[in-house]
Amino acid sequence: MPARIQFSRGVDEDVVPDVRITRSRDGSNGSATFYFQNPSALSNNAEVTGMYLIDEEGEISTREVKAKFVNGQPEAIEAVYIMRSPSDFDRFIRFMNRYAEENGLGLNKS
């Protein structure tokens, strides 16, 4: 099963996001901010119900999803996933490794 991102269940998002990941110094929590420029979810009039990260291990989801509008037109989606434990962080990284490999993403450390 390929790693995929959905905003409406059953409808895969085609646009590959910019993802920024942060983690606390002690590793106990972190966050990932996804930014989708002109995502297909906004153009196909699908109801955005959250962001669902789906792979062979199952599903990770968040309801912190915001649409950005410019001159009344939808332009982007920003979603934030909060990791509340080291195991949440590890699971998220496993998803991102699969997603990155399938979509040609790279890692830039700050």
PDB file of N, CA and C in Angstrom:
ATOM      1  N   MET A   1       0.843  -1.182   0.000  1.00  0.00           N
ATOM      2  CA  MET A   1       0.000   0.000   0.000  1.00  0.00           C
ATOM      3  C   MET A   1       0.892   1.250   0.000  1.00  0.00           C
ATOM      4  N   PRO A   2       0.685   2.126  -0.964  1.00  0.00           N
ATOM      5  CA  PRO A   2       1.499   3.348  -1.001  1.00  0.00           C
ATOM      6  C   PRO A   2       1.096   4.322   0.116  1.00  0.00           C
ATOM      7  N   ALA A   3       2.050   5.092   0.588  1.00  0.00           N
ATOM      8  CA  ALA A   3       1.768   6.144   1.568  1.00  0.00           C
ATOM      9  C   ALA A   3       1.061   7.272   0.825  1.00  0.00           C
ATOM     10  N   ARG A   4      -0.034   7.757   1.409  1.00  0.00           N
ATOM     11  CA  ARG A   4      -0.791   8.815   0.745  1.00  0.00           C
ATOM     12  C   ARG A   4      -1.403   9.756   1.773  1.00  0.00           C
ATOM     13  N   ILE A   5      -1.786  10.942   1.280  1.00  0.00           N
ATOM     14  CA  ILE A   5      -2.416  11.961   2.116  1.00  0.00           C
ATOM     15  C   ILE A   5      -3.789  12.246   1.534  1.00  0.00           C
ATOM     16  N   GLN A   6      -4.781  12.342   2.405  1.00  0.00           N
ATOM     17  CA  GLN A   6      -6.148  12.659   1.989  1.00  0.00           C
ATOM     18  C   GLN A   6      -6.710  13.761   2.875  1.00  0.00           C
ATOM     19  N   PHE A   7      -7.594  14.595   2.285  1.00  0.00           N
ATOM     20  CA  PHE A   7      -8.339  15.587   3.061  1.00  0.00           C
ATOM     21  C   PHE A   7      -9.801  15.182   3.186  1.00  0.00           C
ATOM     22  N   SER A   8     -10.259  14.364   2.266  1.00  0.00           N
ATOM     23  CA  SER A   8     -11.577  13.743   2.314  1.00  0.00           C
ATOM     24  C   SER A   8     -11.333  12.254   2.170  1.00  0.00           C
ATOM     25  N   ARG A   9     -11.962  11.470   2.992  1.00  0.00           N
ATOM     26  CA  ARG A   9     -11.714  10.024   2.960  1.00  0.00           C
ATOM     27  C   ARG A   9     -11.954   9.456   1.565  1.00  0.00           C
ATOM     28  N   GLY A  10     -10.967   8.704   1.088  1.00  0.00           N
ATOM     29  CA  GLY A  10     -11.076   8.051  -0.204  1.00  0.00           C
ATOM     30  C   GLY A  10     -10.575   8.871  -1.384  1.00  0.00           C
ATOM     31  N   VAL A  11     -10.189  10.148  -1.153  1.00  0.00           N
ATOM     32  CA  VAL A  11      -9.724  11.014  -2.246  1.00  0.00           C
ATOM     33  C   VAL A  11      -8.269  11.414  -1.962  1.00  0.00           C
ATOM     34  N   ASP A  12      -7.333  10.809  -2.702  1.00  0.00           N
ATOM     35  CA  ASP A  12      -5.909  11.099  -2.494  1.00  0.00           C
ATOM     36  C   ASP A  12      -5.556  12.495  -2.996  1.00  0.00           C
ATOM     37  N   GLU A  13      -4.684  13.160  -2.246  1.00  0.00           N
ATOM     38  CA  GLU A  13      -4.192  14.484  -2.641  1.00  0.00           C
ATOM     39  C   GLU A  13      -2.996  14.303  -3.570  1.00  0.00           C
ATOM     40  N   ASP A  14      -3.036  14.976  -4.730  1.00  0.00           N
ATOM     41  CA  ASP A  14      -1.970  14.856  -5.727  1.00  0.00           C
ATOM     42  C   ASP A  14      -0.792  15.775  -5.453  1.00  0.00           C
ATOM     43  N   VAL A  15      -1.043  16.909  -4.815  1.00  0.00           N
ATOM     44  CA  VAL A  15       0.013  17.899  -4.573  1.00  0.00           C
ATOM     45  C   VAL A  15       0.900  17.428  -3.420  1.00  0.00           C
ATOM     46  N   VAL A  16       2.206  17.455  -3.650  1.00  0.00           N
ATOM     47  CA  VAL A  16       3.172  17.081  -2.618  1.00  0.00           C
ATOM     48  C   VAL A  16       3.451  18.324  -1.774  1.00  0.00           C
ATOM     49  N   PRO A  17       3.298  18.212  -0.439  1.00  0.00           N
ATOM     50  CA  PRO A  17       3.439  19.396   0.416  1.00  0.00           C
ATOM     51  C   PRO A  17       4.872  19.727   0.789  1.00  0.00           C
ATOM     52  N   ASP A  18       5.034  20.953   1.285  1.00  0.00           N
ATOM     53  CA  ASP A  18       6.244  21.356   1.990  1.00  0.00           C
ATOM     54  C   ASP A  18       5.965  20.991   3.448  1.00  0.00           C
ATOM     55  N   VAL A  19       6.863  20.281   4.102  1.00  0.00           N
ATOM     56  CA  VAL A  19       6.629  19.834   5.482  1.00  0.00           C
ATOM     57  C   VAL A  19       7.749  20.342   6.364  1.00  0.00           C
ATOM     58  N   ARG A  20       7.369  20.947   7.488  1.00  0.00           N
ATOM     59  CA  ARG A  20       8.339  21.420   8.474  1.00  0.00           C
ATOM     60  C   ARG A  20       8.078  20.668   9.783  1.00  0.00           C
ATOM     61  N   ILE A  21       9.127  20.027  10.286  1.00  0.00           N
ATOM     62  CA  ILE A  21       8.999  19.200  11.490  1.00  0.00           C
ATOM     63  C   ILE A  21       9.814  19.821  12.610  1.00  0.00           C
ATOM     64  N   THR A  22       9.211  19.910  13.791  1.00  0.00           N
ATOM     65  CA  THR A  22       9.921  20.376  14.977  1.00  0.00           C
ATOM     66  C   THR A  22       9.792  19.309  16.060  1.00  0.00           C
ATOM     67  N   ARG A  23      10.767  19.294  16.965  1.00  0.00           N
ATOM     68  CA  ARG A  23      10.731  18.344  18.079  1.00  0.00           C
ATOM     69  C   ARG A  23      11.348  19.024  19.297  1.00  0.00           C
ATOM     70  N   SER A  24      10.775  18.770  20.447  1.00  0.00           N
ATOM     71  CA  SER A  24      11.315  19.354  21.674  1.00  0.00           C
ATOM     72  C   SER A  24      12.697  18.771  21.954  1.00  0.00           C
ATOM     73  N   ARG A  25      13.490  19.500  22.730  1.00  0.00           N
ATOM     74  CA  ARG A  25      14.859  19.051  23.027  1.00  0.00           C
ATOM     75  C   ARG A  25      14.887  17.682  23.704  1.00  0.00           C
ATOM     76  N   ASP A  26      13.900  17.425  24.571  1.00  0.00           N
ATOM     77  CA  ASP A  26      13.898  16.139  25.273  1.00  0.00           C
ATOM     78  C   ASP A  26      13.219  15.033  24.465  1.00  0.00           C
ATOM     79  N   GLY A  27      12.699  15.363  23.279  1.00  0.00           N
ATOM     80  CA  GLY A  27      12.091  14.357  22.408  1.00  0.00           C
ATOM     81  C   GLY A  27      10.711  13.904  22.830  1.00  0.00           C
ATOM     82  N   SER A  28      10.112  14.575  23.801  1.00  0.00           N
ATOM     83  CA  SER A  28       8.823  14.121  24.323  1.00  0.00           C
ATOM     84  C   SER A  28       7.642  14.527  23.448  1.00  0.00           C
ATOM     85  N   ASN A  29       7.811  15.552  22.601  1.00  0.00           N
ATOM     86  CA  ASN A  29       6.709  15.965  21.727  1.00  0.00           C
ATOM     87  C   ASN A  29       7.280  16.704  20.517  1.00  0.00           C
ATOM     88  N   GLY A  30       6.394  16.996  19.573  1.00  0.00           N
ATOM     89  CA  GLY A  30       6.821  17.697  18.371  1.00  0.00           C
ATOM     90  C   GLY A  30       5.618  18.066  17.528  1.00  0.00           C
ATOM     91  N   SER A  31       5.892  18.680  16.384  1.00  0.00           N
ATOM     92  CA  SER A  31       4.804  19.033  15.479  1.00  0.00           C
ATOM     93  C   SER A  31       5.301  18.971  14.042  1.00  0.00           C
ATOM     94  N   ALA A  32       4.367  18.798  13.138  1.00  0.00           N
ATOM     95  CA  ALA A  32       4.672  18.818  11.703  1.00  0.00           C
ATOM     96  C   ALA A  32       3.661  19.744  11.052  1.00  0.00           C
ATOM     97  N   THR A  33       4.156  20.718  10.294  1.00  0.00           N
ATOM     98  CA  THR A  33       3.296  21.645   9.578  1.00  0.00           C
ATOM     99  C   THR A  33       3.412  21.345   8.083  1.00  0.00           C
ATOM    100  N   PHE A  34       2.270  21.057   7.479  1.00  0.00           N
ATOM    101  CA  PHE A  34       2.190  20.735   6.053  1.00  0.00           C
ATOM    102  C   PHE A  34       1.631  21.943   5.320  1.00  0.00           C
ATOM    103  N   TYR A  35       2.238  22.299   4.191  1.00  0.00           N
ATOM    104  CA  TYR A  35       1.746  23.402   3.380  1.00  0.00           C
ATOM    105  C   TYR A  35       1.572  22.899   1.944  1.00  0.00           C
ATOM    106  N   PHE A  36       0.334  22.909   1.473  1.00  0.00           N
ATOM    107  CA  PHE A  36      -0.013  22.452   0.125  1.00  0.00           C
ATOM    108  C   PHE A  36      -0.380  23.668  -0.723  1.00  0.00           C
ATOM    109  N   GLN A  37       0.414  23.974  -1.740  1.00  0.00           N
ATOM    110  CA  GLN A  37       0.127  25.087  -2.650  1.00  0.00           C
ATOM    111  C   GLN A  37      -0.805  24.598  -3.750  1.00  0.00           C
ATOM    112  N   ASN A  38      -1.961  25.235  -3.903  1.00  0.00           N
ATOM    113  CA  ASN A  38      -2.974  24.866  -4.905  1.00  0.00           C
ATOM    114  C   ASN A  38      -3.308  23.375  -4.887  1.00  0.00           C
ATOM    115  N   PRO A  39      -3.738  22.849  -3.745  1.00  0.00           N
ATOM    116  CA  PRO A  39      -4.038  21.418  -3.659  1.00  0.00           C
ATOM    117  C   PRO A  39      -5.288  21.048  -4.457  1.00  0.00           C
ATOM    118  N   SER A  40      -5.314  19.824  -4.931  1.00  0.00           N
ATOM    119  CA  SER A  40      -6.467  19.360  -5.701  1.00  0.00           C
ATOM    120  C   SER A  40      -7.723  19.275  -4.825  1.00  0.00           C
ATOM    121  N   ALA A  41      -7.557  19.129  -3.511  1.00  0.00           N
ATOM    122  CA  ALA A  41      -8.713  19.060  -2.612  1.00  0.00           C
ATOM    123  C   ALA A  41      -9.567  20.318  -2.684  1.00  0.00           C
ATOM    124  N   LEU A  42      -8.945  21.467  -2.969  1.00  0.00           N
ATOM    125  CA  LEU A  42      -9.702  22.713  -3.055  1.00  0.00           C
ATOM    126  C   LEU A  42     -10.329  22.908  -4.429  1.00  0.00           C
ATOM    127  N   SER A  43      -9.780  22.263  -5.447  1.00  0.00           N
ATOM    128  CA  SER A  43     -10.313  22.457  -6.795  1.00  0.00           C
ATOM    129  C   SER A  43     -11.404  21.465  -7.164  1.00  0.00           C
ATOM    130  N   ASN A  44     -11.470  20.329  -6.471  1.00  0.00           N
ATOM    131  CA  ASN A  44     -12.499  19.346  -6.830  1.00  0.00           C
ATOM    132  C   ASN A  44     -13.744  19.423  -5.947  1.00  0.00           C
ATOM    133  N   ASN A  45     -13.854  20.502  -5.181  1.00  0.00           N
ATOM    134  CA  ASN A  45     -15.026  20.762  -4.334  1.00  0.00           C
ATOM    135  C   ASN A  45     -15.334  19.638  -3.352  1.00  0.00           C
ATOM    136  N   ALA A  46     -14.319  18.891  -2.963  1.00  0.00           N
ATOM    137  CA  ALA A  46     -14.515  17.853  -1.953  1.00  0.00           C
ATOM    138  C   ALA A  46     -14.591  18.507  -0.583  1.00  0.00           C
ATOM    139  N   GLU A  47     -15.350  17.922   0.304  1.00  0.00           N
ATOM    140  CA  GLU A  47     -15.446  18.447   1.662  1.00  0.00           C
ATOM    141  C   GLU A  47     -14.187  18.055   2.434  1.00  0.00           C
ATOM    142  N   VAL A  48     -13.454  19.039   2.922  1.00  0.00           N
ATOM    143  CA  VAL A  48     -12.249  18.786   3.706  1.00  0.00           C
ATOM    144  C   VAL A  48     -12.680  18.477   5.137  1.00  0.00           C
ATOM    145  N   THR A  49     -12.404  17.250   5.590  1.00  0.00           N
ATOM    146  CA  THR A  49     -12.843  16.827   6.920  1.00  0.00           C
ATOM    147  C   THR A  49     -11.681  16.667   7.900  1.00  0.00           C
ATOM    148  N   GLY A  50     -10.447  16.838   7.410  1.00  0.00           N
ATOM    149  CA  GLY A  50      -9.250  16.678   8.217  1.00  0.00           C
ATOM    150  C   GLY A  50      -8.119  16.313   7.286  1.00  0.00           C
ATOM    151  N   MET A  51      -6.965  15.980   7.838  1.00  0.00           N
ATOM    152  CA  MET A  51      -5.868  15.468   7.026  1.00  0.00           C
ATOM    153  C   MET A  51      -5.569  14.063   7.519  1.00  0.00           C
ATOM    154  N   TYR A  52      -5.540  13.121   6.593  1.00  0.00           N
ATOM    155  CA  TYR A  52      -5.347  11.712   6.907  1.00  0.00           C
ATOM    156  C   TYR A  52      -4.078  11.230   6.218  1.00  0.00           C
ATOM    157  N   LEU A  53      -3.129  10.748   6.999  1.00  0.00           N
ATOM    158  CA  LEU A  53      -1.872  10.211   6.494  1.00  0.00           C
ATOM    159  C   LEU A  53      -2.014   8.694   6.558  1.00  0.00           C
ATOM    160  N   ILE A  54      -2.049   8.040   5.404  1.00  0.00           N
ATOM    161  CA  ILE A  54      -2.383   6.619   5.346  1.00  0.00           C
ATOM    162  C   ILE A  54      -1.233   5.833   4.730  1.00  0.00           C
ATOM    163  N   ASP A  55      -0.845   4.751   5.396  1.00  0.00           N
ATOM    164  CA  ASP A  55       0.177   3.850   4.861  1.00  0.00           C
ATOM    165  C   ASP A  55      -0.112   2.438   5.338  1.00  0.00           C
ATOM    166  N   GLU A  56       0.843   1.531   5.141  1.00  0.00           N
ATOM    167  CA  GLU A  56       0.623   0.123   5.481  1.00  0.00           C
ATOM    168  C   GLU A  56       0.431  -0.118   6.975  1.00  0.00           C
ATOM    169  N   GLU A  57       0.867   0.815   7.825  1.00  0.00           N
ATOM    170  CA  GLU A  57       0.684   0.661   9.273  1.00  0.00           C
ATOM    171  C   GLU A  57      -0.681   1.132   9.745  1.00  0.00           C
ATOM    172  N   GLY A  58      -1.379   1.897   8.912  1.00  0.00           N
ATOM    173  CA  GLY A  58      -2.681   2.411   9.326  1.00  0.00           C
ATOM    174  C   GLY A  58      -2.834   3.873   8.965  1.00  0.00           C
ATOM    175  N   GLU A  59      -3.436   4.635   9.891  1.00  0.00           N
ATOM    176  CA  GLU A  59      -3.764   6.026   9.609  1.00  0.00           C
ATOM    177  C   GLU A  59      -3.365   6.929  10.768  1.00  0.00           C
ATOM    178  N   ILE A  60      -2.835   8.098  10.419  1.00  0.00           N
ATOM    179  CA  ILE A  60      -2.571   9.180  11.360  1.00  0.00           C
ATOM    180  C   ILE A  60      -3.475  10.320  10.900  1.00  0.00           C
ATOM    181  N   SER A  61      -4.120  11.020  11.816  1.00  0.00           N
ATOM    182  CA  SER A  61      -5.012  12.092  11.366  1.00  0.00           C
ATOM    183  C   SER A  61      -4.920  13.319  12.264  1.00  0.00           C
ATOM    184  N   THR A  62      -5.337  14.444  11.681  1.00  0.00           N
ATOM    185  CA  THR A  62      -5.438  15.694  12.424  1.00  0.00           C
ATOM    186  C   THR A  62      -6.643  16.470  11.898  1.00  0.00           C
ATOM    187  N   ARG A  63      -7.245  17.256  12.763  1.00  0.00           N
ATOM    188  CA  ARG A  63      -8.358  18.125  12.369  1.00  0.00           C
ATOM    189  C   ARG A  63      -7.896  19.580  12.232  1.00  0.00           C
ATOM    190  N   GLU A  64      -6.619  19.842  12.533  1.00  0.00           N
ATOM    191  CA  GLU A  64      -6.079  21.207  12.437  1.00  0.00           C
ATOM    192  C   GLU A  64      -5.703  21.507  10.991  1.00  0.00           C
ATOM    193  N   VAL A  65      -6.712  21.815  10.190  1.00  0.00           N
ATOM    194  CA  VAL A  65      -6.543  22.070   8.761  1.00  0.00           C
ATOM    195  C   VAL A  65      -7.173  23.421   8.446  1.00  0.00           C
ATOM    196  N   LYS A  66      -6.397  24.299   7.770  1.00  0.00           N
ATOM    197  CA  LYS A  66      -6.893  25.629   7.427  1.00  0.00           C
ATOM    198  C   LYS A  66      -6.669  25.878   5.942  1.00  0.00           C
ATOM    199  N   ALA A  67      -7.662  26.462   5.302  1.00  0.00           N
ATOM    200  CA  ALA A  67      -7.519  26.865   3.898  1.00  0.00           C
ATOM    201  C   ALA A  67      -7.087  28.323   3.862  1.00  0.00           C
ATOM    202  N   LYS A  68      -6.224  28.647   2.921  1.00  0.00           N
ATOM    203  CA  LYS A  68      -5.767  30.026   2.710  1.00  0.00           C
ATOM    204  C   LYS A  68      -6.415  30.538   1.429  1.00  0.00           C
ATOM    205  N   PHE A  69      -6.978  31.746   1.506  1.00  0.00           N
ATOM    206  CA  PHE A  69      -7.646  32.339   0.359  1.00  0.00           C
ATOM    207  C   PHE A  69      -6.950  33.641  -0.031  1.00  0.00           C
ATOM    208  N   VAL A  70      -6.850  33.903  -1.336  1.00  0.00           N
ATOM    209  CA  VAL A  70      -6.319  35.147  -1.861  1.00  0.00           C
ATOM    210  C   VAL A  70      -7.356  35.697  -2.830  1.00  0.00           C
ATOM    211  N   ASN A  71      -7.830  36.906  -2.564  1.00  0.00           N
ATOM    212  CA  ASN A  71      -8.884  37.531  -3.371  1.00  0.00           C
ATOM    213  C   ASN A  71     -10.110  36.628  -3.512  1.00  0.00           C
ATOM    214  N   GLY A  72     -10.452  35.957  -2.434  1.00  0.00           N
ATOM    215  CA  GLY A  72     -11.637  35.103  -2.418  1.00  0.00           C
ATOM    216  C   GLY A  72     -11.474  33.752  -3.073  1.00  0.00           C
ATOM    217  N   GLN A  73     -10.285  33.446  -3.576  1.00  0.00           N
ATOM    218  CA  GLN A  73     -10.040  32.170  -4.245  1.00  0.00           C
ATOM    219  C   GLN A  73      -9.166  31.274  -3.354  1.00  0.00           C
ATOM    220  N   PRO A  74      -9.507  29.996  -3.258  1.00  0.00           N
ATOM    221  CA  PRO A  74      -8.674  29.093  -2.453  1.00  0.00           C
ATOM    222  C   PRO A  74      -7.303  28.921  -3.094  1.00  0.00           C
ATOM    223  N   GLU A  75      -6.253  29.039  -2.282  1.00  0.00           N
ATOM    224  CA  GLU A  75      -4.903  28.966  -2.818  1.00  0.00           C
ATOM    225  C   GLU A  75      -4.041  27.902  -2.156  1.00  0.00           C
ATOM    226  N   ALA A  76      -4.285  27.626  -0.880  1.00  0.00           N
ATOM    227  CA  ALA A  76      -3.409  26.692  -0.174  1.00  0.00           C
ATOM    228  C   ALA A  76      -4.137  26.067   1.007  1.00  0.00           C
ATOM    229  N   ILE A  77      -3.574  24.971   1.488  1.00  0.00           N
ATOM    230  CA  ILE A  77      -4.035  24.333   2.721  1.00  0.00           C
ATOM    231  C   ILE A  77      -2.829  24.205   3.637  1.00  0.00           C
ATOM    232  N   GLU A  78      -3.031  24.572   4.898  1.00  0.00           N
ATOM    233  CA  GLU A  78      -2.016  24.378   5.918  1.00  0.00           C
ATOM    234  C   GLU A  78      -2.602  23.462   6.980  1.00  0.00           C
ATOM    235  N   ALA A  79      -1.875  22.406   7.312  1.00  0.00           N
ATOM    236  CA  ALA A  79      -2.339  21.452   8.319  1.00  0.00           C
ATOM    237  C   ALA A  79      -1.225  21.223   9.330  1.00  0.00           C
ATOM    238  N   VAL A  80      -1.617  21.054  10.590  1.00  0.00           N
ATOM    239  CA  VAL A  80      -0.639  20.833  11.649  1.00  0.00           C
ATOM    240  C   VAL A  80      -0.973  19.527  12.356  1.00  0.00           C
ATOM    241  N   TYR A  81       0.036  18.671  12.482  1.00  0.00           N
ATOM    242  CA  TYR A  81      -0.108  17.421  13.229  1.00  0.00           C
ATOM    243  C   TYR A  81       0.779  17.535  14.467  1.00  0.00           C
ATOM    244  N   ILE A  82       0.187  17.357  15.649  1.00  0.00           N
ATOM    245  CA  ILE A  82       0.906  17.443  16.915  1.00  0.00           C
ATOM    246  C   ILE A  82       1.260  16.033  17.385  1.00  0.00           C
ATOM    247  N   MET A  83       2.532  15.834  17.706  1.00  0.00           N
ATOM    248  CA  MET A  83       3.006  14.542  18.225  1.00  0.00           C
ATOM    249  C   MET A  83       3.213  14.698  19.723  1.00  0.00           C
ATOM    250  N   ARG A  84       2.475  13.933  20.502  1.00  0.00           N
ATOM    251  CA  ARG A  84       2.478  14.110  21.945  1.00  0.00           C
ATOM    252  C   ARG A  84       3.384  13.138  22.700  1.00  0.00           C
ATOM    253  N   SER A  85       4.051  12.243  21.988  1.00  0.00           N
ATOM    254  CA  SER A  85       4.922  11.274  22.652  1.00  0.00           C
ATOM    255  C   SER A  85       6.024  10.839  21.691  1.00  0.00           C
ATOM    256  N   PRO A  86       7.100  10.265  22.218  1.00  0.00           N
ATOM    257  CA  PRO A  86       8.155   9.753  21.331  1.00  0.00           C
ATOM    258  C   PRO A  86       7.637   8.697  20.353  1.00  0.00           C
ATOM    259  N   SER A  87       6.678   7.876  20.774  1.00  0.00           N
ATOM    260  CA  SER A  87       6.138   6.855  19.859  1.00  0.00           C
ATOM    261  C   SER A  87       5.329   7.503  18.730  1.00  0.00           C
ATOM    262  N   ASP A  88       4.597   8.600  19.021  1.00  0.00           N
ATOM    263  CA  ASP A  88       3.895   9.343  17.961  1.00  0.00           C
ATOM    264  C   ASP A  88       4.895   9.886  16.950  1.00  0.00           C
ATOM    265  N   PHE A  89       6.008  10.432  17.459  1.00  0.00           N
ATOM    266  CA  PHE A  89       7.034  10.999  16.586  1.00  0.00           C
ATOM    267  C   PHE A  89       7.648   9.907  15.701  1.00  0.00           C
ATOM    268  N   ASP A  90       7.985   8.775  16.296  1.00  0.00           N
ATOM    269  CA  ASP A  90       8.573   7.665  15.544  1.00  0.00           C
ATOM    270  C   ASP A  90       7.622   7.164  14.461  1.00  0.00           C
ATOM    271  N   ARG A  91       6.348   7.044  14.794  1.00  0.00           N
ATOM    272  CA  ARG A  91       5.352   6.591  13.824  1.00  0.00           C
ATOM    273  C   ARG A  91       5.235   7.593  12.682  1.00  0.00           C
ATOM    274  N   PHE A  92       5.214   8.891  12.994  1.00  0.00           N
ATOM    275  CA  PHE A  92       5.127   9.917  11.971  1.00  0.00           C
ATOM    276  C   PHE A  92       6.344   9.864  11.041  1.00  0.00           C
ATOM    277  N   ILE A  93       7.529   9.699  11.600  1.00  0.00           N
ATOM    278  CA  ILE A  93       8.748   9.641  10.796  1.00  0.00           C
ATOM    279  C   ILE A  93       8.719   8.422   9.871  1.00  0.00           C
ATOM    280  N   ARG A  94       8.201   7.301  10.348  1.00  0.00           N
ATOM    281  CA  ARG A  94       8.085   6.127   9.463  1.00  0.00           C
ATOM    282  C   ARG A  94       7.164   6.435   8.286  1.00  0.00           C
ATOM    283  N   PHE A  95       6.033   7.108   8.550  1.00  0.00           N
ATOM    284  CA  PHE A  95       5.137   7.509   7.453  1.00  0.00           C
ATOM    285  C   PHE A  95       5.871   8.431   6.486  1.00  0.00           C
ATOM    286  N   MET A  96       6.534   9.458   7.023  1.00  0.00           N
ATOM    287  CA  MET A  96       7.200  10.437   6.165  1.00  0.00           C
ATOM    288  C   MET A  96       8.308   9.805   5.325  1.00  0.00           C
ATOM    289  N   ASN A  97       9.036   8.850   5.878  1.00  0.00           N
ATOM    290  CA  ASN A  97      10.063   8.160   5.096  1.00  0.00           C
ATOM    291  C   ASN A  97       9.444   7.444   3.901  1.00  0.00           C
ATOM    292  N   ARG A  98       8.323   6.771   4.115  1.00  0.00           N
ATOM    293  CA  ARG A  98       7.634   6.086   3.013  1.00  0.00           C
ATOM    294  C   ARG A  98       7.108   7.097   1.995  1.00  0.00           C
ATOM    295  N   TYR A  99       6.461   8.155   2.488  1.00  0.00           N
ATOM    296  CA  TYR A  99       5.889   9.172   1.601  1.00  0.00           C
ATOM    297  C   TYR A  99       6.991   9.874   0.800  1.00  0.00           C
ATOM    298  N   ALA A 100       8.080  10.203   1.460  1.00  0.00           N
ATOM    299  CA  ALA A 100       9.194  10.885   0.793  1.00  0.00           C
ATOM    300  C   ALA A 100       9.803  10.014  -0.293  1.00  0.00           C
ATOM    301  N   GLU A 101       9.987   8.746   0.005  1.00  0.00           N
ATOM    302  CA  GLU A 101      10.571   7.827  -0.974  1.00  0.00           C
ATOM    303  C   GLU A 101       9.688   7.717  -2.221  1.00  0.00           C
ATOM    304  N   GLU A 102       8.379   7.670  -2.028  1.00  0.00           N
ATOM    305  CA  GLU A 102       7.453   7.515  -3.150  1.00  0.00           C
ATOM    306  C   GLU A 102       7.252   8.810  -3.941  1.00  0.00           C
ATOM    307  N   ASN A 103       7.536   9.978  -3.309  1.00  0.00           N
ATOM    308  CA  ASN A 103       7.278  11.256  -3.967  1.00  0.00           C
ATOM    309  C   ASN A 103       8.529  12.083  -4.228  1.00  0.00           C
ATOM    310  N   GLY A 104       9.701  11.502  -4.041  1.00  0.00           N
ATOM    311  CA  GLY A 104      10.941  12.191  -4.358  1.00  0.00           C
ATOM    312  C   GLY A 104      11.261  13.380  -3.473  1.00  0.00           C
ATOM    313  N   LEU A 105      10.893  13.307  -2.194  1.00  0.00           N
ATOM    314  CA  LEU A 105      11.187  14.394  -1.267  1.00  0.00           C
ATOM    315  C   LEU A 105      12.560  14.193  -0.642  1.00  0.00           C
ATOM    316  N   GLY A 106      13.165  15.293  -0.219  1.00  0.00           N
ATOM    317  CA  GLY A 106      14.454  15.230   0.464  1.00  0.00           C
ATOM    318  C   GLY A 106      14.347  15.895   1.818  1.00  0.00           C
ATOM    319  N   LEU A 107      15.394  15.747   2.629  1.00  0.00           N
ATOM    320  CA  LEU A 107      15.419  16.316   3.969  1.00  0.00           C
ATOM    321  C   LEU A 107      16.468  17.416   4.026  1.00  0.00           C
ATOM    322  N   ASN A 108      16.068  18.575   4.538  1.00  0.00           N
ATOM    323  CA  ASN A 108      16.991  19.678   4.786  1.00  0.00           C
ATOM    324  C   ASN A 108      16.976  19.957   6.278  1.00  0.00           C
ATOM    325  N   LYS A 109      18.100  19.721   6.953  1.00  0.00           N
ATOM    326  CA  LYS A 109      18.165  20.008   8.387  1.00  0.00           C
ATOM    327  C   LYS A 109      18.556  21.457   8.596  1.00  0.00           C
ATOM    328  N   SER A 110      17.915  22.085   9.595  1.00  0.00           N
ATOM    329  CA  SER A 110      18.257  23.473   9.883  1.00  0.00           C
ATOM    330  C   SER A 110      19.352  23.577  10.911  1.00  0.00           C
TER     331      SER A 110
END
